[in-house]
Protein backbone atom coordinates (compact mmCIF):
# COMPACT_ATOMS: atom_id res chain seq x y z
CA MET A 1 0.00 0.00 0.00
CA ASP A 2 1.77 3.13 -1.22
CA ILE A 3 0.11 6.44 -0.43
CA VAL A 4 3.11 8.71 0.07
CA PHE A 5 3.39 9.50 -3.62
CA HIS A 6 -0.24 10.35 -4.17
CA ASP A 7 -0.21 13.79 -5.74
CA ARG A 8 3.48 14.39 -4.92
CA GLU A 9 4.15 15.27 -8.54
CA LYS A 10 4.71 18.93 -7.68
CA GLU A 11 7.59 18.06 -5.35
CA ILE A 12 8.97 15.42 -7.72
CA GLU A 13 8.88 17.92 -10.58
CA GLU A 14 10.80 20.48 -8.50
CA ILE A 15 13.49 17.98 -7.49
CA THR A 16 13.75 16.69 -11.06
CA ARG A 17 14.23 20.28 -12.26
CA ILE A 18 17.10 20.66 -9.80
CA LEU A 19 18.70 17.41 -10.95
CA LYS A 20 18.50 18.41 -14.61
CA SER A 21 20.44 21.61 -13.94
CA ARG A 22 24.10 22.04 -13.08
CA PRO A 23 24.89 21.24 -9.42
CA ASP A 24 25.05 24.59 -7.68
CA LEU A 25 23.29 24.46 -4.29
CA ILE A 26 22.69 22.26 -1.27
CA THR A 27 18.95 21.47 -1.13
CA PHE A 28 17.42 20.95 2.31
CA VAL A 29 14.25 18.83 2.16
CA TYR A 30 12.32 19.54 5.35
CA GLY A 31 8.85 19.20 6.82
CA PRO A 32 6.83 17.84 9.77
CA ILE A 33 7.63 14.37 11.08
CA ASN A 34 6.24 11.48 8.99
CA SER A 35 5.24 13.70 6.07
CA GLY A 36 6.91 11.39 3.54
CA LYS A 37 10.22 13.15 2.86
CA SER A 38 12.45 10.09 2.69
CA SER A 39 9.95 8.10 0.65
CA LEU A 40 9.64 11.02 -1.74
CA MET A 41 13.39 11.01 -2.32
CA ASP A 42 13.30 7.23 -2.79
CA GLU A 43 10.74 7.70 -5.55
CA VAL A 44 12.75 10.48 -7.19
CA VAL A 45 15.84 8.25 -7.24
CA ARG A 46 13.83 5.35 -8.66
CA ARG A 47 12.82 7.53 -11.62
CA LEU A 48 16.32 8.83 -12.43
CA PRO A 49 17.94 7.95 -15.79
CA GLU A 50 20.81 5.46 -15.91
CA ASN A 51 23.53 8.11 -16.03
CA PHE A 52 22.81 9.09 -12.40
CA VAL A 53 24.72 7.43 -9.54
CA THR A 54 23.17 8.02 -6.12
CA PHE A 55 24.73 7.72 -2.68
CA PHE A 56 21.89 7.54 -0.12
CA ILE A 57 23.36 7.95 3.37
CA ASP A 58 20.66 6.97 5.89
CA LEU A 59 21.82 8.43 9.20
CA ARG A 60 18.52 7.82 10.96
CA ALA A 61 18.96 4.04 10.64
CA HIS A 62 22.21 4.07 12.62
CA VAL A 63 23.39 5.11 16.05
CA VAL A 64 26.09 7.70 15.40
CA THR A 65 27.84 8.84 18.57
CA ASN A 66 31.41 9.27 17.33
CA VAL A 67 33.40 9.85 14.17
CA GLU A 68 34.17 6.16 13.65
CA GLU A 69 30.46 5.34 13.58
CA PHE A 70 29.88 8.18 11.12
CA TYR A 71 32.54 6.72 8.82
CA ASP A 72 30.80 3.34 9.03
CA VAL A 73 27.68 4.95 7.57
CA LEU A 74 29.50 7.14 5.07
CA PHE A 75 31.61 4.37 3.52
CA SER A 76 31.03 0.88 2.20
CA TYR A 77 33.64 -1.81 1.79
CA GLU A 78 31.75 -3.77 -0.86
CA VAL A 79 30.37 -2.74 -4.22
CA GLY A 80 27.79 -4.15 -6.60
CA LEU A 81 26.77 -7.69 -5.67
CA LYS A 82 28.73 -7.93 -2.41
CA ARG A 83 32.07 -7.95 -4.22
CA LYS A 84 35.13 -6.84 -2.26
CA ILE A 85 37.10 -3.98 -3.75
CA THR A 86 40.85 -3.59 -3.45
CA LYS A 87 41.88 -0.61 -5.61
CA PHE A 88 40.55 2.87 -6.38
CA SER A 89 40.26 1.94 -10.05
CA ASP A 90 37.98 -0.94 -9.00
CA VAL A 91 35.68 1.55 -7.31
CA ILE A 92 35.33 3.75 -10.36
CA SER A 93 34.93 0.92 -12.87
CA SER A 94 32.28 -0.71 -10.67
CA LEU A 95 30.35 2.52 -10.19
CA VAL A 96 30.45 3.25 -13.91
CA SER A 97 29.61 -0.22 -15.24
CA SER A 98 27.43 -1.74 -12.51
CA ALA A 99 23.67 -2.01 -12.94
CA VAL A 100 23.41 -0.86 -9.32
CA ARG A 101 22.73 2.89 -9.25
CA VAL A 102 21.96 3.50 -5.56
CA TYR A 103 24.61 2.94 -2.88
CA SER A 104 24.23 3.09 0.90
CA GLY A 105 27.76 4.50 1.21
CA PHE A 106 30.81 5.43 -0.82
CA PRO A 107 32.72 2.26 -1.81
CA LEU A 108 36.17 2.31 -0.22
CA PRO A 109 38.95 -0.09 -1.32
CA GLU A 110 40.87 -2.05 1.31
CA SER A 111 44.13 -0.47 0.18
CA LEU A 112 42.94 3.02 1.21
CA ILE A 113 41.05 2.30 4.44
CA SER A 114 43.95 3.20 6.74
CA LYS A 115 44.65 6.42 4.81
CA VAL A 116 41.07 7.61 4.48
CA LEU A 117 39.56 6.65 7.84
CA THR A 118 41.87 8.65 10.05
CA LYS A 119 40.27 10.29 13.06
CA ASP A 120 42.88 13.04 13.24
CA LYS A 121 42.62 13.87 9.51
CA PRO A 122 38.91 13.98 8.60
CA LYS A 123 39.66 15.88 5.40
CA ASN A 124 41.19 12.69 4.02
CA ALA A 125 37.68 11.24 3.83
CA PHE A 126 36.37 14.30 2.00
CA THR A 127 39.31 14.27 -0.39
CA TYR A 128 38.60 10.64 -1.23
CA ILE A 129 34.90 11.36 -1.90
CA PHE A 130 35.88 14.39 -4.00
CA ASN A 131 38.11 12.16 -6.15
CA VAL A 132 35.33 9.59 -6.60
CA LEU A 133 32.88 12.30 -7.69
CA GLN A 134 35.42 13.87 -10.03
CA GLU A 135 36.12 10.53 -11.73
CA LEU A 136 32.43 9.77 -12.11
CA LYS A 137 31.81 13.20 -13.62
CA SER A 138 34.66 12.73 -16.10
CA LYS A 139 33.07 9.49 -17.27
CA GLY A 140 29.69 11.05 -18.00
CA LYS A 141 27.94 10.14 -14.74
CA SER A 142 25.85 12.51 -12.62
CA PRO A 143 26.47 11.89 -8.90
CA VAL A 144 23.77 12.60 -6.32
CA ILE A 145 24.37 12.62 -2.55
CA ILE A 146 21.36 12.27 -0.23
CA LEU A 147 21.78 12.42 3.54
CA ASP A 148 18.74 11.46 5.58
CA GLU A 149 18.42 13.14 9.02
CA LEU A 150 21.75 14.94 8.77
CA GLN A 151 21.16 16.62 12.13
CA VAL A 152 22.02 13.43 14.06
CA ILE A 153 25.72 14.29 13.72
CA GLY A 154 25.20 17.85 14.96
CA ASP A 155 27.03 17.18 18.24
CA LEU A 156 30.04 15.39 16.74
CA LYS A 157 33.31 17.30 16.75
CA ILE A 158 36.65 16.98 14.98
CA ASP A 159 38.69 20.09 15.67
CA GLY A 160 35.32 21.82 15.76
CA PRO A 161 31.78 20.71 14.79
CA LEU A 162 31.79 18.03 12.08
CA ILE A 163 28.61 19.48 10.59
CA TYR A 164 30.49 22.61 9.51
CA GLU A 165 33.19 20.51 7.87
CA LEU A 166 30.43 18.76 5.94
CA PHE A 167 28.75 22.01 4.95
CA ASN A 168 32.05 23.37 3.64
CA PHE A 169 32.61 20.18 1.69
CA PHE A 170 29.09 20.21 0.22
CA VAL A 171 29.53 23.82 -0.87
CA THR A 172 32.83 22.86 -2.50
CA ILE A 173 31.46 19.94 -4.51
CA SER A 174 28.21 21.66 -5.50
CA LYS A 175 28.62 25.40 -5.87
CA ARG A 176 32.34 25.59 -6.59
CA TYR A 177 33.13 22.47 -8.65
CA HIS A 178 29.59 21.42 -9.70
CA LEU A 179 30.44 17.75 -9.16
CA ALA A 180 27.30 16.48 -7.42
CA HIS A 181 23.80 17.41 -6.36
CA VAL A 182 23.47 17.36 -2.58
CA PHE A 183 20.19 16.84 -0.70
CA ALA A 184 19.86 16.87 3.09
CA ILE A 185 16.60 15.52 4.52
CA THR A 186 15.44 16.45 8.01
CA SER A 187 12.32 16.59 10.16
CA ASP A 188 14.20 18.57 12.83
CA SER A 189 12.90 22.09 12.31
CA LEU A 190 15.26 23.56 14.90
CA PHE A 191 18.13 22.21 12.81
CA ILE A 192 16.65 23.79 9.70
CA GLU A 193 16.20 27.10 11.54
CA LYS A 194 19.86 27.00 12.53
CA VAL A 195 20.90 26.22 8.97
CA HIS A 196 18.66 28.99 7.67
CA SER A 197 20.36 31.54 9.92
CA GLU A 198 23.93 30.44 9.14
CA ALA A 199 25.77 33.15 7.20
CA MET A 200 28.12 30.59 5.61
CA LEU A 201 25.19 29.03 3.71
CA HIS A 202 23.53 32.19 2.42
CA GLY A 203 23.25 31.92 -1.35
CA ARG A 204 24.59 28.36 -1.22
CA CYS A 205 21.48 26.37 -0.33
CA ASP A 206 17.77 26.13 -1.04
CA TYR A 207 14.79 24.70 0.84
CA LEU A 208 12.00 22.37 -0.23
CA LEU A 209 9.05 21.90 2.13
CA VAL A 210 7.34 18.50 2.09
CA ASP A 211 4.21 19.03 4.15
CA ASP A 212 1.27 16.84 5.10
CA PHE A 213 -1.49 16.49 2.49
CA ASP A 214 -4.10 19.25 2.33
CA TYR A 215 -7.81 18.49 2.56
CA ASP A 216 -8.45 18.09 -1.17
CA THR A 217 -5.48 15.75 -1.60
CA THR A 218 -6.52 13.70 1.42
CA LYS A 219 -10.09 13.46 0.10
CA GLU A 220 -8.95 12.44 -3.37
CA PHE A 221 -6.66 9.78 -1.98
CA LEU A 222 -9.13 8.23 0.46
CA GLN A 223 -11.75 8.05 -2.26
CA LYS A 224 -9.40 5.73 -4.16
CA TYR A 225 -9.70 3.30 -1.24
CA GLY A 226 -13.48 3.39 -1.12
CA PHE A 227 -13.95 5.87 1.73
CA SER A 228 -17.40 7.45 1.88
CA ARG A 229 -17.90 11.18 2.39
CA GLU A 230 -18.62 10.59 6.09
CA GLU A 231 -15.50 8.44 6.51
CA ILE A 232 -13.34 11.05 4.78
CA GLU A 233 -14.67 13.79 7.06
CA LEU A 234 -14.04 11.63 10.12
CA ALA A 235 -10.48 10.81 9.06
CA TRP A 236 -9.72 14.44 8.26
CA GLU A 237 -11.16 15.70 11.55
CA TYR A 238 -8.93 13.41 13.62
CA LEU A 239 -5.89 12.74 11.42
CA GLY A 240 -5.63 15.59 8.94
CA GLY A 241 -3.36 14.81 6.00
CA LYS A 242 -0.58 13.00 7.87
CA PRO A 243 0.47 10.16 5.49
CA VAL A 244 1.44 7.72 8.22
CA TYR A 245 -1.92 8.14 9.94
CA LEU A 246 -3.81 7.77 6.66
CA VAL A 247 -2.10 4.43 6.10
CA GLY A 248 -3.44 3.36 9.48
CA ALA A 249 -6.91 4.66 8.61
CA ILE A 250 -7.02 2.53 5.47
CA LYS A 251 -5.85 -0.55 7.33
CA ASN A 252 -8.50 0.06 9.99
CA LYS A 253 -11.33 1.18 7.73
CA ASP A 254 -13.70 -1.35 9.32
CA ARG A 255 -13.13 0.27 12.74
CA LEU A 256 -12.30 3.78 11.61
CA ARG A 257 -13.80 5.78 14.46
CA GLU A 258 -12.19 3.57 17.10
CA PHE A 259 -8.84 3.89 15.34
CA CYS A 260 -9.08 7.69 15.04
CA GLU A 261 -10.11 8.13 18.66
CA ASN A 262 -7.27 5.89 19.82
CA VAL A 263 -4.68 7.86 17.82
CA LEU A 264 -5.88 11.06 19.49
CA LYS A 265 -6.00 9.43 22.92
CA VAL A 266 -2.38 8.27 22.62
CA ARG A 267 -1.15 11.65 21.39
CA PHE A 268 -3.04 13.51 24.12
CA SER A 269 -1.45 11.31 26.79
CA GLN A 270 2.02 11.77 25.30
CA ILE A 271 1.78 15.56 25.21
CA LEU A 272 0.29 15.71 28.70
CA ASP A 273 3.13 13.59 30.09
CA THR A 274 5.65 15.81 28.30
CA ILE A 275 4.44 19.13 29.72
CA TYR A 276 3.87 17.72 33.20
CA GLY A 277 7.61 17.14 33.24
CA ILE A 278 8.21 20.90 33.41
CA GLU A 279 7.09 23.59 35.84
CA GLY A 280 7.21 27.26 36.70
CA LYS A 281 7.57 29.91 34.01
CA LEU A 282 8.41 27.38 31.29
CA PHE A 283 5.17 25.51 31.97
CA GLU A 284 3.13 28.72 31.78
CA ASP A 285 4.90 29.88 28.60
CA VAL A 286 4.28 26.51 26.92
CA LEU A 287 0.60 26.76 27.80
CA SER A 288 0.57 30.25 26.35
CA TYR A 289 1.80 28.85 23.02
CA PHE A 290 -0.80 26.10 23.26
CA ARG A 291 -3.60 28.64 23.72
CA GLU A 292 -2.49 30.71 20.74
CA ILE A 293 -2.05 27.64 18.52
CA SER A 294 -5.39 26.24 19.69
CA GLU A 295 -7.14 29.39 18.51
CA LYS A 296 -5.22 30.30 15.34
CA GLU A 297 -3.71 26.90 14.32
CA SER A 298 -0.57 28.61 13.01
CA VAL A 299 1.23 31.72 14.25
CA ARG A 300 4.18 33.83 13.18
CA TYR A 301 7.17 33.94 15.51
CA ARG A 302 9.81 36.62 16.10
CA LYS A 303 12.36 34.67 18.07
CA ILE A 304 12.80 31.18 19.43
CA ASP A 305 12.43 31.34 23.19
CA GLU A 306 12.79 28.47 25.64
CA ALA A 307 9.10 27.51 25.51
CA LEU A 308 8.96 27.40 21.73
CA ARG A 309 12.20 25.44 21.62
CA PHE A 310 10.71 22.96 24.09
CA CYS A 311 7.57 22.46 21.98
CA VAL A 312 9.51 22.02 18.75
CA ARG A 313 12.19 19.78 20.26
CA ASN A 314 9.47 17.48 21.60
CA ASN A 315 7.76 17.33 18.19
CA ILE A 316 4.56 18.98 19.38
CA LEU A 317 4.98 22.02 17.13
CA PHE A 318 6.61 22.36 13.72
CA LEU A 319 8.65 25.48 12.99
CA ASP A 320 9.08 26.68 9.41
CA PRO A 321 11.98 29.17 9.32
CA VAL A 322 11.38 30.04 5.67
CA GLU A 323 7.78 31.17 6.26
CA ARG A 324 8.54 32.05 9.90
CA ILE A 325 5.47 30.27 11.21
CA VAL A 326 4.80 27.70 13.93
CA LYS A 327 2.01 25.14 13.75
CA PRO A 328 1.12 21.75 15.24
CA GLN A 329 3.01 18.75 13.87
CA SER A 330 -0.34 17.39 12.69
CA ARG A 331 -4.09 17.83 12.92
CA THR A 332 -3.99 15.19 15.68
CA ASP A 333 -1.51 17.30 17.64
CA LEU A 334 -3.83 20.31 17.35
CA LEU A 335 -6.74 18.32 18.80
CA ALA A 336 -4.48 16.89 21.51
CA ILE A 337 -3.32 20.40 22.46
CA ARG A 338 -6.93 21.47 22.83
CA LYS A 339 -7.67 18.45 25.03
CA VAL A 340 -4.59 19.23 27.14
CA LEU A 341 -5.82 22.78 27.72
CA SER A 342 -9.26 21.47 28.67
CA GLU A 343 -7.70 18.92 31.05
CA ILE A 344 -5.60 21.56 32.79
CA ARG A 345 -8.55 23.97 33.13
CA ASP A 346 -10.60 21.21 34.75
């Protein structure tokens, strides 16, 4: 059952337009949690012509607490059909000739492991990747680098934050040398806000919002699965256009109301537990945000204070730094916030 790509053609068209042009910017793909960002990029990659070679680095699937673990995600020691590689020339010939066009890491030959994976010289790893990209480009290939949930390495440091080393490298391979398209996927809106405010990335990156479905899209999709008008209204009222919830609604169509009410019940309990873990001024300020969101559903912000940071960090609210608005992570979160306010008043 594949609903994530229903009416995602607008986003796919935008990403395809980027990929058809000369590499020039880092593209940050952002949006609320579970809005279908990673699956969207999977679909884009699936549709790419044969001259594209994609390196899809899935950081969310790994625990990355140090540089060595980051290298384990960034590099692969096999290529193609589980074949060991020994020389740099093997890497390039395999990437050029193999039917495999999507790699979970950059293939690294045994002969270079000790030279590339050096903790005290992280630039060796970037130099190696640069050489791979340069060789692929010279042989008519179009490299694409996709990093999913890049923010997980935000706390890693090698003579300073590793994330800045990566940003500098991405700027080098995209804007300066035009060797590869770079996409960074994240559902961490505080990370995106930080990126958006970084002077070093001004004019060197772009942003693509992948949001939940709107009402018309949700209605059109659910109709394909035989939902009646009443069932569509019920699903929208409780779940909004959150793809992951809509999957659940389809699977539980025979008990739709029970499913919807349970989703809200669970989210209400989670949010209530979260805010009962704080007290004093922070508690009151969080409730103030809840009241404003409850009434207006989305609000503009001027600065990120402690209460807003708390709500965003705990995935209750979604912050869009491009539009400078804050809204609930989902329709369910909005209803849960209203129930929380009612609970506290009582």
